[in-house]
Each structure stands twice: as structure tokens, then as C-alpha cells.
């Protein structure tokens, strides 16, 4: 299967290896985004804590665990790439943000006539 096909195209053609490659790559990307989002959330919680000790501790622990999650995500990329090459799976090539945004744009555009412009 061509590497520029989407996960939906792979599902339609029942290509299990392609679905597995893309599914793992998308899960890693989602985990990275969630880690960064929780770092921002913890930072905002820290700023809005108003000096209250319990809120500061909660915000710091949110940031700490989000950073740990981000480190685990980066390690997952290395481990998955290493194990994938040993098993014949090339997962790292699917970590393309442009493709992810295109898929999201196509799904939202077809789901209800998405917003194309602000006019």
C-alpha cells in the first residue's frame, strides 16, 4: 500500500499491517498532544492558584505527571521504532503532522459542511 494513503483507505483495503502502523503512530501523536495540553493546564492552574498551598501542590503534580507522560511518549517513539524495524513495521514514517491535520480537515469537512472561511 502507498505510504500516502490514509488509515481509512487502509481499513477499506483490509491491510492489517498498515492499520497497525497508522494506529500506533496516531496514538503516539495523541499522547504527545495530551501531555503538552496537561502541561499548559497545570501552568494555568498554578497561575490561578492564588497562593493556596493545596492548589499549588495539585498544579505542580499535574505538571510533573504531564512531563513524565511526555518523556514516556518520546521513549515510546524510540522503542516502537526499534521494535518496529525488527518486526518489519515502519511506524516512524507515519508521524507526519500534515497528514494528521489533513485527515481531521477531511473528517470535519465531510461531517457537516465544515467552515471553509470566515466570510
PDB file of N, CA and C in Angstrom:
ATOM      1  N   UNK A   1       0.844  -1.175   0.000  1.00  0.00           N
ATOM      2  CA  UNK A   1       0.000   0.000   0.000  1.00  0.00           C
ATOM      3  C   UNK A   1       0.880   1.225   0.000  1.00  0.00           C
ATOM      4  N   UNK A   2       0.455   2.274  -0.669  1.00  0.00           N
ATOM      5  CA  UNK A   2       1.223   3.504  -0.740  1.00  0.00           C
ATOM      6  C   UNK A   2       1.278   4.177   0.619  1.00  0.00           C
ATOM      7  N   UNK A   3       2.393   4.842   0.897  1.00  0.00           N
ATOM      8  CA  UNK A   3       2.565   5.455   2.211  1.00  0.00           C
ATOM      9  C   UNK A   3       1.743   6.722   2.364  1.00  0.00           C
ATOM     10  N   UNK A   4       1.182   7.264   1.275  1.00  0.00           N
ATOM     11  CA  UNK A   4       0.380   8.473   1.389  1.00  0.00           C
ATOM     12  C   UNK A   4      -1.108   8.182   1.533  1.00  0.00           C
ATOM     13  N   UNK A   5      -1.479   6.916   1.634  1.00  0.00           N
ATOM     14  CA  UNK A   5      -2.874   6.545   1.863  1.00  0.00           C
ATOM     15  C   UNK A   5      -3.225   6.794   3.325  1.00  0.00           C
ATOM     16  N   UNK A   6      -4.490   7.072   3.582  1.00  0.00           N
ATOM     17  CA  UNK A   6      -4.920   7.333   4.950  1.00  0.00           C
ATOM     18  C   UNK A   6      -5.256   6.036   5.655  1.00  0.00           C
ATOM     19  N   UNK A   7      -5.486   6.121   6.943  1.00  0.00           N
ATOM     20  CA  UNK A   7      -5.861   4.929   7.707  1.00  0.00           C
ATOM     21  C   UNK A   7      -7.219   4.407   7.244  1.00  0.00           C
ATOM     22  N   UNK A   8      -8.078   5.312   6.779  1.00  0.00           N
ATOM     23  CA  UNK A   8      -9.380   4.882   6.267  1.00  0.00           C
ATOM     24  C   UNK A   8      -9.231   4.084   4.981  1.00  0.00           C
ATOM     25  N   UNK A   9      -8.283   4.491   4.115  1.00  0.00           N
ATOM     26  CA  UNK A   9      -8.011   3.730   2.895  1.00  0.00           C
ATOM     27  C   UNK A   9      -7.456   2.346   3.243  1.00  0.00           C
ATOM     28  N   UNK A  10      -6.588   2.296   4.249  1.00  0.00           N
ATOM     29  CA  UNK A  10      -6.032   1.011   4.674  1.00  0.00           C
ATOM     30  C   UNK A  10      -7.118   0.107   5.238  1.00  0.00           C
ATOM     31  N   UNK A  11      -8.062   0.691   5.965  1.00  0.00           N
ATOM     32  CA  UNK A  11      -9.159  -0.103   6.529  1.00  0.00           C
ATOM     33  C   UNK A  11     -10.061  -0.635   5.426  1.00  0.00           C
ATOM     34  N   UNK A  12     -10.276   0.169   4.390  1.00  0.00           N
ATOM     35  CA  UNK A  12     -11.119  -0.280   3.282  1.00  0.00           C
ATOM     36  C   UNK A  12     -10.471  -1.424   2.512  1.00  0.00           C
ATOM     37  N   UNK A  13      -9.150  -1.416   2.433  1.00  0.00           N
ATOM     38  CA  UNK A  13      -8.464  -2.481   1.703  1.00  0.00           C
ATOM     39  C   UNK A  13      -8.034  -3.631   2.623  1.00  0.00           C
ATOM     40  N   UNK A  14      -8.402  -3.565   3.895  1.00  0.00           N
ATOM     41  CA  UNK A  14      -8.116  -4.611   4.881  1.00  0.00           C
ATOM     42  C   UNK A  14      -6.622  -4.902   5.002  1.00  0.00           C
ATOM     43  N   UNK A  15      -5.798  -3.866   4.970  1.00  0.00           N
ATOM     44  CA  UNK A  15      -4.360  -4.026   5.134  1.00  0.00           C
ATOM     45  C   UNK A  15      -4.032  -3.895   6.625  1.00  0.00           C
ATOM     46  N   UNK A  16      -3.898  -5.033   7.307  1.00  0.00           N
ATOM     47  CA  UNK A  16      -3.739  -5.060   8.761  1.00  0.00           C
ATOM     48  C   UNK A  16      -2.440  -4.386   9.200  1.00  0.00           C
ATOM     49  N   UNK A  17      -1.352  -4.608   8.480  1.00  0.00           N
ATOM     50  CA  UNK A  17      -0.073  -4.012   8.854  1.00  0.00           C
ATOM     51  C   UNK A  17      -0.149  -2.494   8.742  1.00  0.00           C
ATOM     52  N   UNK A  18      -0.783  -2.001   7.690  1.00  0.00           N
ATOM     53  CA  UNK A  18      -0.930  -0.549   7.504  1.00  0.00           C
ATOM     54  C   UNK A  18      -1.797   0.046   8.609  1.00  0.00           C
ATOM     55  N   UNK A  19      -2.874  -0.626   8.960  1.00  0.00           N
ATOM     56  CA  UNK A  19      -3.750  -0.146  10.035  1.00  0.00           C
ATOM     57  C   UNK A  19      -2.986  -0.124  11.354  1.00  0.00           C
ATOM     58  N   UNK A  20      -2.204  -1.161  11.622  1.00  0.00           N
ATOM     59  CA  UNK A  20      -1.413  -1.230  12.846  1.00  0.00           C
ATOM     60  C   UNK A  20      -0.375  -0.114  12.890  1.00  0.00           C
ATOM     61  N   UNK A  21       0.337   0.089  11.791  1.00  0.00           N
ATOM     62  CA  UNK A  21       1.326   1.163  11.719  1.00  0.00           C
ATOM     63  C   UNK A  21       0.704   2.513  12.017  1.00  0.00           C
ATOM     64  N   UNK A  22      -0.371   2.824  11.327  1.00  0.00           N
ATOM     65  CA  UNK A  22      -1.004   4.132  11.486  1.00  0.00           C
ATOM     66  C   UNK A  22      -1.665   4.278  12.854  1.00  0.00           C
ATOM     67  N   UNK A  23      -2.267   3.221  13.359  1.00  0.00           N
ATOM     68  CA  UNK A  23      -2.912   3.296  14.669  1.00  0.00           C
ATOM     69  C   UNK A  23      -1.916   3.600  15.779  1.00  0.00           C
ATOM     70  N   UNK A  24      -0.769   2.934  15.758  1.00  0.00           N
ATOM     71  CA  UNK A  24       0.264   3.187  16.764  1.00  0.00           C
ATOM     72  C   UNK A  24       0.823   4.596  16.616  1.00  0.00           C
ATOM     73  N   UNK A  25       1.061   5.019  15.384  1.00  0.00           N
ATOM     74  CA  UNK A  25       1.584   6.365  15.163  1.00  0.00           C
ATOM     75  C   UNK A  25       0.602   7.429  15.648  1.00  0.00           C
ATOM     76  N   UNK A  26      -0.680   7.255  15.357  1.00  0.00           N
ATOM     77  CA  UNK A  26      -1.676   8.231  15.795  1.00  0.00           C
ATOM     78  C   UNK A  26      -1.825   8.232  17.313  1.00  0.00           C
ATOM     79  N   UNK A  27      -1.712   7.065  17.938  1.00  0.00           N
ATOM     80  CA  UNK A  27      -1.797   7.007  19.399  1.00  0.00           C
ATOM     81  C   UNK A  27      -0.631   7.748  20.039  1.00  0.00           C
ATOM     82  N   UNK A  28       0.550   7.631  19.459  1.00  0.00           N
ATOM     83  CA  UNK A  28       1.710   8.349  19.982  1.00  0.00           C
ATOM     84  C   UNK A  28       1.519   9.854  19.831  1.00  0.00           C
ATOM     85  N   UNK A  29       0.991  10.284  18.697  1.00  0.00           N
ATOM     86  CA  UNK A  29       0.758  11.712  18.484  1.00  0.00           C
ATOM     87  C   UNK A  29      -0.278  12.242  19.467  1.00  0.00           C
ATOM     88  N   UNK A  30      -1.348  11.505  19.681  1.00  0.00           N
ATOM     89  CA  UNK A  30      -2.384  11.936  20.631  1.00  0.00           C
ATOM     90  C   UNK A  30      -1.805  12.015  22.047  1.00  0.00           C
ATOM     91  N   UNK A  31      -0.985  11.033  22.422  1.00  0.00           N
ATOM     92  CA  UNK A  31      -0.367  11.053  23.753  1.00  0.00           C
ATOM     93  C   UNK A  31       0.532  12.271  23.920  1.00  0.00           C
ATOM     94  N   UNK A  32       1.278  12.612  22.894  1.00  0.00           N
ATOM     95  CA  UNK A  32       2.128  13.810  22.953  1.00  0.00           C
ATOM     96  C   UNK A  32       1.318  15.079  23.093  1.00  0.00           C
ATOM     97  N   UNK A  33       0.240  15.189  22.307  1.00  0.00           N
ATOM     98  CA  UNK A  33      -0.622  16.373  22.405  1.00  0.00           C
ATOM     99  C   UNK A  33      -1.256  16.480  23.785  1.00  0.00           C
ATOM    100  N   UNK A  34      -1.734  15.369  24.324  1.00  0.00           N
ATOM    101  CA  UNK A  34      -2.350  15.405  25.647  1.00  0.00           C
ATOM    102  C   UNK A  34      -1.341  15.781  26.725  1.00  0.00           C
ATOM    103  N   UNK A  35      -0.114  15.302  26.619  1.00  0.00           N
ATOM    104  CA  UNK A  35       0.916  15.671  27.593  1.00  0.00           C
ATOM    105  C   UNK A  35       1.170  17.166  27.571  1.00  0.00           C
ATOM    106  N   UNK A  36       1.314  17.724  26.381  1.00  0.00           N
ATOM    107  CA  UNK A  36       1.547  19.168  26.268  1.00  0.00           C
ATOM    108  C   UNK A  36       0.332  19.950  26.775  1.00  0.00           C
ATOM    109  N   UNK A  37      -0.863  19.479  26.462  1.00  0.00           N
ATOM    110  CA  UNK A  37      -2.074  20.166  26.926  1.00  0.00           C
ATOM    111  C   UNK A  37      -2.154  20.160  28.454  1.00  0.00           C
ATOM    112  N   UNK A  38      -1.785  19.043  29.086  1.00  0.00           N
ATOM    113  CA  UNK A  38      -1.821  18.997  30.544  1.00  0.00           C
ATOM    114  C   UNK A  38      -0.717  19.836  31.172  1.00  0.00           C
ATOM    115  N   UNK A  39       0.400  20.014  30.485  1.00  0.00           N
ATOM    116  CA  UNK A  39       1.424  20.938  30.986  1.00  0.00           C
ATOM    117  C   UNK A  39       0.868  22.352  30.999  1.00  0.00           C
ATOM    118  N   UNK A  40       0.195  22.748  29.916  1.00  0.00           N
ATOM    119  CA  UNK A  40      -0.425  24.076  29.876  1.00  0.00           C
ATOM    120  C   UNK A  40      -1.510  24.217  30.937  1.00  0.00           C
ATOM    121  N   UNK A  41      -2.333  23.188  31.076  1.00  0.00           N
ATOM    122  CA  UNK A  41      -3.401  23.214  32.078  1.00  0.00           C
ATOM    123  C   UNK A  41      -2.825  23.357  33.489  1.00  0.00           C
ATOM    124  N   UNK A  42      -1.767  22.615  33.783  1.00  0.00           N
ATOM    125  CA  UNK A  42      -1.117  22.719  35.089  1.00  0.00           C
ATOM    126  C   UNK A  42      -0.508  24.093  35.307  1.00  0.00           C
ATOM    127  N   UNK A  43       0.067  24.672  34.263  1.00  0.00           N
ATOM    128  CA  UNK A  43       0.636  26.016  34.369  1.00  0.00           C
ATOM    129  C   UNK A  43      -0.429  27.064  34.649  1.00  0.00           C
ATOM    130  N   UNK A  44      -1.552  26.939  33.969  1.00  0.00           N
ATOM    131  CA  UNK A  44      -2.651  27.880  34.201  1.00  0.00           C
ATOM    132  C   UNK A  44      -3.213  27.688  35.605  1.00  0.00           C
ATOM    133  N   UNK A  45      -3.335  26.444  36.048  1.00  0.00           N
ATOM    134  CA  UNK A  45      -3.804  26.175  37.405  1.00  0.00           C
ATOM    135  C   UNK A  45      -2.843  26.744  38.438  1.00  0.00           C
ATOM    136  N   UNK A  46      -1.551  26.660  38.157  1.00  0.00           N
ATOM    137  CA  UNK A  46      -0.546  27.211  39.062  1.00  0.00           C
ATOM    138  C   UNK A  46      -0.675  28.731  39.155  1.00  0.00           C
ATOM    139  N   UNK A  47      -0.865  29.359  38.003  1.00  0.00           N
ATOM    140  CA  UNK A  47      -1.006  30.817  37.985  1.00  0.00           C
ATOM    141  C   UNK A  47      -2.266  31.244  38.727  1.00  0.00           C
ATOM    142  N   UNK A  48      -3.346  30.501  38.553  1.00  0.00           N
ATOM    143  CA  UNK A  48      -4.626  30.865  39.164  1.00  0.00           C
ATOM    144  C   UNK A  48      -4.796  30.340  40.585  1.00  0.00           C
ATOM    145  N   UNK A  49      -3.753  29.738  41.154  1.00  0.00           N
ATOM    146  CA  UNK A  49      -3.878  29.145  42.486  1.00  0.00           C
ATOM    147  C   UNK A  49      -4.057  30.191  43.579  1.00  0.00           C
ATOM    148  N   UNK A  50      -3.614  31.391  43.344  1.00  0.00           N
ATOM    149  CA  UNK A  50      -3.795  32.459  44.323  1.00  0.00           C
ATOM    150  C   UNK A  50      -3.026  32.238  45.606  1.00  0.00           C
ATOM    151  N   UNK A  51      -1.956  31.478  45.561  1.00  0.00           N
ATOM    152  CA  UNK A  51      -1.137  31.259  46.739  1.00  0.00           C
ATOM    153  C   UNK A  51      -1.652  30.186  47.681  1.00  0.00           C
ATOM    154  N   UNK A  52      -2.757  29.538  47.331  1.00  0.00           N
ATOM    155  CA  UNK A  52      -3.289  28.476  48.186  1.00  0.00           C
ATOM    156  C   UNK A  52      -2.428  27.223  48.024  1.00  0.00           C
ATOM    157  N   UNK A  53      -1.946  26.745  49.151  1.00  0.00           N
ATOM    158  CA  UNK A  53      -0.978  25.651  49.162  1.00  0.00           C
ATOM    159  C   UNK A  53      -1.497  24.380  48.482  1.00  0.00           C
ATOM    160  N   UNK A  54      -2.754  24.006  48.725  1.00  0.00           N
ATOM    161  CA  UNK A  54      -3.283  22.771  48.136  1.00  0.00           C
ATOM    162  C   UNK A  54      -3.440  22.890  46.626  1.00  0.00           C
ATOM    163  N   UNK A  55      -3.830  24.064  46.141  1.00  0.00           N
ATOM    164  CA  UNK A  55      -3.960  24.256  44.689  1.00  0.00           C
ATOM    165  C   UNK A  55      -2.593  24.279  44.009  1.00  0.00           C
ATOM    166  N   UNK A  56      -1.599  24.836  44.702  1.00  0.00           N
ATOM    167  CA  UNK A  56      -0.245  24.852  44.142  1.00  0.00           C
ATOM    168  C   UNK A  56       0.288  23.426  44.036  1.00  0.00           C
ATOM    169  N   UNK A  57       0.094  22.614  45.077  1.00  0.00           N
ATOM    170  CA  UNK A  57       0.556  21.230  45.044  1.00  0.00           C
ATOM    171  C   UNK A  57      -0.125  20.436  43.932  1.00  0.00           C
ATOM    172  N   UNK A  58      -1.424  20.677  43.749  1.00  0.00           N
ATOM    173  CA  UNK A  58      -2.152  19.975  42.697  1.00  0.00           C
ATOM    174  C   UNK A  58      -1.640  20.390  41.319  1.00  0.00           C
ATOM    175  N   UNK A  59      -1.392  21.689  41.126  1.00  0.00           N
ATOM    176  CA  UNK A  59      -0.897  22.173  39.838  1.00  0.00           C
ATOM    177  C   UNK A  59       0.502  21.632  39.546  1.00  0.00           C
ATOM    178  N   UNK A  60       1.351  21.618  40.563  1.00  0.00           N
ATOM    179  CA  UNK A  60       2.711  21.106  40.385  1.00  0.00           C
ATOM    180  C   UNK A  60       2.682  19.614  40.063  1.00  0.00           C
ATOM    181  N   UNK A  61       1.813  18.861  40.729  1.00  0.00           N
ATOM    182  CA  UNK A  61       1.741  17.434  40.423  1.00  0.00           C
ATOM    183  C   UNK A  61       1.187  17.198  39.021  1.00  0.00           C
ATOM    184  N   UNK A  62       0.245  18.039  38.569  1.00  0.00           N
ATOM    185  CA  UNK A  62      -0.255  17.929  37.196  1.00  0.00           C
ATOM    186  C   UNK A  62       0.868  18.154  36.199  1.00  0.00           C
ATOM    187  N   UNK A  63       1.669  19.185  36.435  1.00  0.00           N
ATOM    188  CA  UNK A  63       2.790  19.478  35.538  1.00  0.00           C
ATOM    189  C   UNK A  63       3.808  18.345  35.581  1.00  0.00           C
ATOM    190  N   UNK A  64       4.103  17.850  36.775  1.00  0.00           N
ATOM    191  CA  UNK A  64       5.084  16.776  36.928  1.00  0.00           C
ATOM    192  C   UNK A  64       4.655  15.528  36.158  1.00  0.00           C
ATOM    193  N   UNK A  65       3.405  15.116  36.342  1.00  0.00           N
ATOM    194  CA  UNK A  65       2.945  13.901  35.661  1.00  0.00           C
ATOM    195  C   UNK A  65       2.804  14.113  34.157  1.00  0.00           C
ATOM    196  N   UNK A  66       2.498  15.322  33.733  1.00  0.00           N
ATOM    197  CA  UNK A  66       2.430  15.598  32.297  1.00  0.00           C
ATOM    198  C   UNK A  66       3.815  15.531  31.665  1.00  0.00           C
ATOM    199  N   UNK A  67       4.817  16.028  32.372  1.00  0.00           N
ATOM    200  CA  UNK A  67       6.190  15.935  31.861  1.00  0.00           C
ATOM    201  C   UNK A  67       6.640  14.480  31.819  1.00  0.00           C
ATOM    202  N   UNK A  68       6.292  13.705  32.843  1.00  0.00           N
ATOM    203  CA  UNK A  68       6.601  12.274  32.826  1.00  0.00           C
ATOM    204  C   UNK A  68       5.909  11.602  31.637  1.00  0.00           C
ATOM    205  N   UNK A  69       4.659  11.984  31.377  1.00  0.00           N
ATOM    206  CA  UNK A  69       3.941  11.439  30.224  1.00  0.00           C
ATOM    207  C   UNK A  69       4.598  11.801  28.911  1.00  0.00           C
ATOM    208  N   UNK A  70       5.110  13.009  28.811  1.00  0.00           N
ATOM    209  CA  UNK A  70       5.800  13.438  27.597  1.00  0.00           C
ATOM    210  C   UNK A  70       7.097  12.654  27.411  1.00  0.00           C
ATOM    211  N   UNK A  71       7.823  12.422  28.498  1.00  0.00           N
ATOM    212  CA  UNK A  71       9.051  11.633  28.423  1.00  0.00           C
ATOM    213  C   UNK A  71       8.729  10.197  28.005  1.00  0.00           C
ATOM    214  N   UNK A  72       7.674   9.635  28.570  1.00  0.00           N
ATOM    215  CA  UNK A  72       7.260   8.275  28.203  1.00  0.00           C
ATOM    216  C   UNK A  72       6.864   8.222  26.725  1.00  0.00           C
ATOM    217  N   UNK A  73       6.210   9.273  26.236  1.00  0.00           N
ATOM    218  CA  UNK A  73       5.823   9.326  24.826  1.00  0.00           C
ATOM    219  C   UNK A  73       7.049   9.342  23.921  1.00  0.00           C
ATOM    220  N   UNK A  74       8.047  10.139  24.281  1.00  0.00           N
ATOM    221  CA  UNK A  74       9.275  10.188  23.477  1.00  0.00           C
ATOM    222  C   UNK A  74       9.992   8.835  23.520  1.00  0.00           C
ATOM    223  N   UNK A  75      10.034   8.233  24.711  1.00  0.00           N
ATOM    224  CA  UNK A  75      10.642   6.899  24.809  1.00  0.00           C
ATOM    225  C   UNK A  75       9.849   5.869  24.011  1.00  0.00           C
ATOM    226  N   UNK A  76       8.529   6.033  23.972  1.00  0.00           N
ATOM    227  CA  UNK A  76       7.696   5.117  23.189  1.00  0.00           C
ATOM    228  C   UNK A  76       8.029   5.209  21.708  1.00  0.00           C
ATOM    229  N   UNK A  77       8.316   6.410  21.238  1.00  0.00           N
ATOM    230  CA  UNK A  77       8.686   6.571  19.830  1.00  0.00           C
ATOM    231  C   UNK A  77       9.969   5.796  19.542  1.00  0.00           C
ATOM    232  N   UNK A  78      10.950   5.924  20.435  1.00  0.00           N
ATOM    233  CA  UNK A  78      12.225   5.227  20.239  1.00  0.00           C
ATOM    234  C   UNK A  78      12.028   3.712  20.309  1.00  0.00           C
ATOM    235  N   UNK A  79      11.270   3.268  21.307  1.00  0.00           N
ATOM    236  CA  UNK A  79      11.063   1.822  21.479  1.00  0.00           C
ATOM    237  C   UNK A  79      10.258   1.242  20.328  1.00  0.00           C
ATOM    238  N   UNK A  80       9.194   1.933  19.941  1.00  0.00           N
ATOM    239  CA  UNK A  80       8.353   1.445  18.844  1.00  0.00           C
ATOM    240  C   UNK A  80       9.127   1.430  17.536  1.00  0.00           C
ATOM    241  N   UNK A  81       9.962   2.443  17.316  1.00  0.00           N
ATOM    242  CA  UNK A  81      10.763   2.462  16.088  1.00  0.00           C
ATOM    243  C   UNK A  81      11.744   1.297  16.064  1.00  0.00           C
ATOM    244  N   UNK A  82      12.367   1.020  17.200  1.00  0.00           N
ATOM    245  CA  UNK A  82      13.341  -0.073  17.267  1.00  0.00           C
ATOM    246  C   UNK A  82      12.670  -1.436  17.098  1.00  0.00           C
ATOM    247  N   UNK A  83      11.597  -1.652  17.856  1.00  0.00           N
ATOM    248  CA  UNK A  83      10.890  -2.925  17.766  1.00  0.00           C
ATOM    249  C   UNK A  83      10.203  -3.059  16.401  1.00  0.00           C
ATOM    250  N   UNK A  84       9.667  -1.950  15.896  1.00  0.00           N
ATOM    251  CA  UNK A  84       9.008  -1.981  14.596  1.00  0.00           C
ATOM    252  C   UNK A  84       9.935  -2.379  13.477  1.00  0.00           C
ATOM    253  N   UNK A  85      11.154  -1.854  13.508  1.00  0.00           N
ATOM    254  CA  UNK A  85      12.122  -2.237  12.477  1.00  0.00           C
ATOM    255  C   UNK A  85      12.478  -3.711  12.571  1.00  0.00           C
ATOM    256  N   UNK A  86      12.541  -4.222  13.794  1.00  0.00           N
ATOM    257  CA  UNK A  86      12.844  -5.653  13.965  1.00  0.00           C
ATOM    258  C   UNK A  86      11.709  -6.524  13.446  1.00  0.00           C
ATOM    259  N   UNK A  87      10.470  -6.015  13.534  1.00  0.00           N
ATOM    260  CA  UNK A  87       9.311  -6.784  13.072  1.00  0.00           C
ATOM    261  C   UNK A  87       8.881  -6.430  11.653  1.00  0.00           C
ATOM    262  N   UNK A  88       9.560  -5.471  11.033  1.00  0.00           N
ATOM    263  CA  UNK A  88       9.219  -5.083   9.671  1.00  0.00           C
ATOM    264  C   UNK A  88       8.146  -4.017   9.588  1.00  0.00           C
ATOM    265  N   UNK A  89       7.880  -3.336  10.673  1.00  0.00           N
ATOM    266  CA  UNK A  89       6.901  -2.251  10.679  1.00  0.00           C
ATOM    267  C   UNK A  89       7.640  -0.918  10.677  1.00  0.00           C
ATOM    268  N   UNK A  90       7.275  -0.034   9.767  1.00  0.00           N
ATOM    269  CA  UNK A  90       7.922   1.281   9.690  1.00  0.00           C
ATOM    270  C   UNK A  90       6.947   2.330  10.207  1.00  0.00           C
ATOM    271  N   UNK A  91       6.835   2.443  11.515  1.00  0.00           N
ATOM    272  CA  UNK A  91       5.834   3.292  12.140  1.00  0.00           C
ATOM    273  C   UNK A  91       6.260   4.749  12.158  1.00  0.00           C
ATOM    274  N   UNK A  92       7.539   5.016  12.256  1.00  0.00           N
ATOM    275  CA  UNK A  92       8.015   6.385  12.410  1.00  0.00           C
ATOM    276  C   UNK A  92       7.664   7.240  11.194  1.00  0.00           C
ATOM    277  N   UNK A  93       7.574   6.655  10.038  1.00  0.00           N
ATOM    278  CA  UNK A  93       7.258   7.452   8.847  1.00  0.00           C
ATOM    279  C   UNK A  93       5.829   7.981   8.871  1.00  0.00           C
ATOM    280  N   UNK A  94       4.985   7.429   9.731  1.00  0.00           N
ATOM    281  CA  UNK A  94       3.602   7.876   9.816  1.00  0.00           C
ATOM    282  C   UNK A  94       3.413   9.009  10.817  1.00  0.00           C
ATOM    283  N   UNK A  95       4.461   9.428  11.473  1.00  0.00           N
ATOM    284  CA  UNK A  95       4.355  10.529  12.431  1.00  0.00           C
ATOM    285  C   UNK A  95       4.466  11.862  11.697  1.00  0.00           C
ATOM    286  N   UNK A  96       3.573  12.087  10.770  1.00  0.00           N
ATOM    287  CA  UNK A  96       3.560  13.286   9.936  1.00  0.00           C
ATOM    288  C   UNK A  96       2.369  14.149  10.337  1.00  0.00           C
ATOM    289  N   UNK A  97       2.642  15.313  10.897  1.00  0.00           N
ATOM    290  CA  UNK A  97       1.573  16.180  11.392  1.00  0.00           C
ATOM    291  C   UNK A  97       0.690  16.700  10.256  1.00  0.00           C
ATOM    292  N   UNK A  98       1.267  16.959   9.106  1.00  0.00           N
ATOM    293  CA  UNK A  98       0.477  17.442   7.975  1.00  0.00           C
ATOM    294  C   UNK A  98      -0.609  16.452   7.588  1.00  0.00           C
ATOM    295  N   UNK A  99      -0.265  15.179   7.599  1.00  0.00           N
ATOM    296  CA  UNK A  99      -1.239  14.141   7.271  1.00  0.00           C
ATOM    297  C   UNK A  99      -2.350  14.084   8.324  1.00  0.00           C
ATOM    298  N   UNK A 100      -1.972  14.215   9.594  1.00  0.00           N
ATOM    299  CA  UNK A 100      -2.967  14.200  10.670  1.00  0.00           C
ATOM    300  C   UNK A 100      -3.945  15.352  10.501  1.00  0.00           C
ATOM    301  N   UNK A 101      -3.423  16.541  10.223  1.00  0.00           N
ATOM    302  CA  UNK A 101      -4.297  17.695  10.038  1.00  0.00           C
ATOM    303  C   UNK A 101      -5.188  17.542   8.808  1.00  0.00           C
ATOM    304  N   UNK A 102      -4.660  16.928   7.737  1.00  0.00           N
ATOM    305  CA  UNK A 102      -5.478  16.679   6.546  1.00  0.00           C
ATOM    306  C   UNK A 102      -6.623  15.726   6.849  1.00  0.00           C
ATOM    307  N   UNK A 103      -6.338  14.686   7.621  1.00  0.00           N
ATOM    308  CA  UNK A 103      -7.388  13.722   7.982  1.00  0.00           C
ATOM    309  C   UNK A 103      -8.461  14.408   8.818  1.00  0.00           C
ATOM    310  N   UNK A 104      -8.043  15.217   9.790  1.00  0.00           N
ATOM    311  CA  UNK A 104      -9.006  15.938  10.632  1.00  0.00           C
ATOM    312  C   UNK A 104      -9.825  16.897   9.789  1.00  0.00           C
ATOM    313  N   UNK A 105      -9.178  17.587   8.864  1.00  0.00           N
ATOM    314  CA  UNK A 105      -9.882  18.533   7.993  1.00  0.00           C
ATOM    315  C   UNK A 105     -10.893  17.801   7.114  1.00  0.00           C
ATOM    316  N   UNK A 106     -10.495  16.651   6.559  1.00  0.00           N
ATOM    317  CA  UNK A 106     -11.412  15.888   5.718  1.00  0.00           C
ATOM    318  C   UNK A 106     -12.589  15.341   6.512  1.00  0.00           C
ATOM    319  N   UNK A 107     -12.329  14.865   7.733  1.00  0.00           N
ATOM    320  CA  UNK A 107     -13.414  14.327   8.559  1.00  0.00           C
ATOM    321  C   UNK A 107     -14.383  15.415   9.000  1.00  0.00           C
ATOM    322  N   UNK A 108     -13.867  16.572   9.386  1.00  0.00           N
ATOM    323  CA  UNK A 108     -14.765  17.650   9.836  1.00  0.00           C
ATOM    324  C   UNK A 108     -15.448  18.306   8.643  1.00  0.00           C
ATOM    325  N   UNK A 109     -14.779  18.339   7.510  1.00  0.00           N
ATOM    326  CA  UNK A 109     -15.377  18.941   6.312  1.00  0.00           C
ATOM    327  C   UNK A 109     -16.530  18.121   5.791  1.00  0.00           C
ATOM    328  N   UNK A 110     -16.449  16.798   5.887  1.00  0.00           N
ATOM    329  CA  UNK A 110     -17.498  15.944   5.382  1.00  0.00           C
ATOM    330  C   UNK A 110     -18.588  15.693   6.407  1.00  0.00           C
ATOM    331  N   UNK A 111     -18.348  16.043   7.674  1.00  0.00           N
ATOM    332  CA  UNK A 111     -19.301  15.750   8.733  1.00  0.00           C
ATOM    333  C   UNK A 111     -20.425  16.763   8.822  1.00  0.00           C
ATOM    334  N   UNK A 112     -20.297  17.892   8.209  1.00  0.00           N
ATOM    335  CA  UNK A 112     -21.369  18.859   8.317  1.00  0.00           C
ATOM    336  C   UNK A 112     -21.084  20.113   7.524  1.00  0.00           C
ATOM    337  N   UNK A 113     -20.323  19.956   6.485  1.00  0.00           N
ATOM    338  CA  UNK A 113     -20.013  21.103   5.648  1.00  0.00           C
ATOM    339  C   UNK A 113     -19.117  22.084   6.365  1.00  0.00           C
ATOM    340  N   UNK A 114     -18.109  21.654   7.051  1.00  0.00           N
ATOM    341  CA  UNK A 114     -17.178  22.452   7.852  1.00  0.00           C
ATOM    342  C   UNK A 114     -17.037  23.895   7.428  1.00  0.00           C
ATOM    343  N   UNK A 115     -16.414  24.667   8.218  1.00  0.00           N
ATOM    344  CA  UNK A 115     -16.224  26.085   7.969  1.00  0.00           C
ATOM    345  C   UNK A 115     -14.989  26.244   7.100  1.00  0.00           C
ATOM    346  N   UNK A 116     -15.167  26.753   5.904  1.00  0.00           N
ATOM    347  CA  UNK A 116     -14.041  26.946   4.992  1.00  0.00           C
ATOM    348  C   UNK A 116     -13.431  28.325   5.128  1.00  0.00           C
ATOM    349  N   UNK A 117     -14.240  29.315   5.444  1.00  0.00           N
ATOM    350  CA  UNK A 117     -13.728  30.671   5.606  1.00  0.00           C
ATOM    351  C   UNK A 117     -14.619  31.420   6.578  1.00  0.00           C
ATOM    352  N   UNK A 118     -14.151  32.583   6.946  1.00  0.00           N
ATOM    353  CA  UNK A 118     -14.923  33.395   7.897  1.00  0.00           C
ATOM    354  C   UNK A 118     -15.870  34.366   7.207  1.00  0.00           C
ATOM    355  N   UNK A 119     -15.987  34.279   5.903  1.00  0.00           N
ATOM    356  CA  UNK A 119     -16.887  35.192   5.154  1.00  0.00           C
ATOM    357  C   UNK A 119     -18.326  34.842   5.364  1.00  0.00           C
TER     358      UNK A 119
END
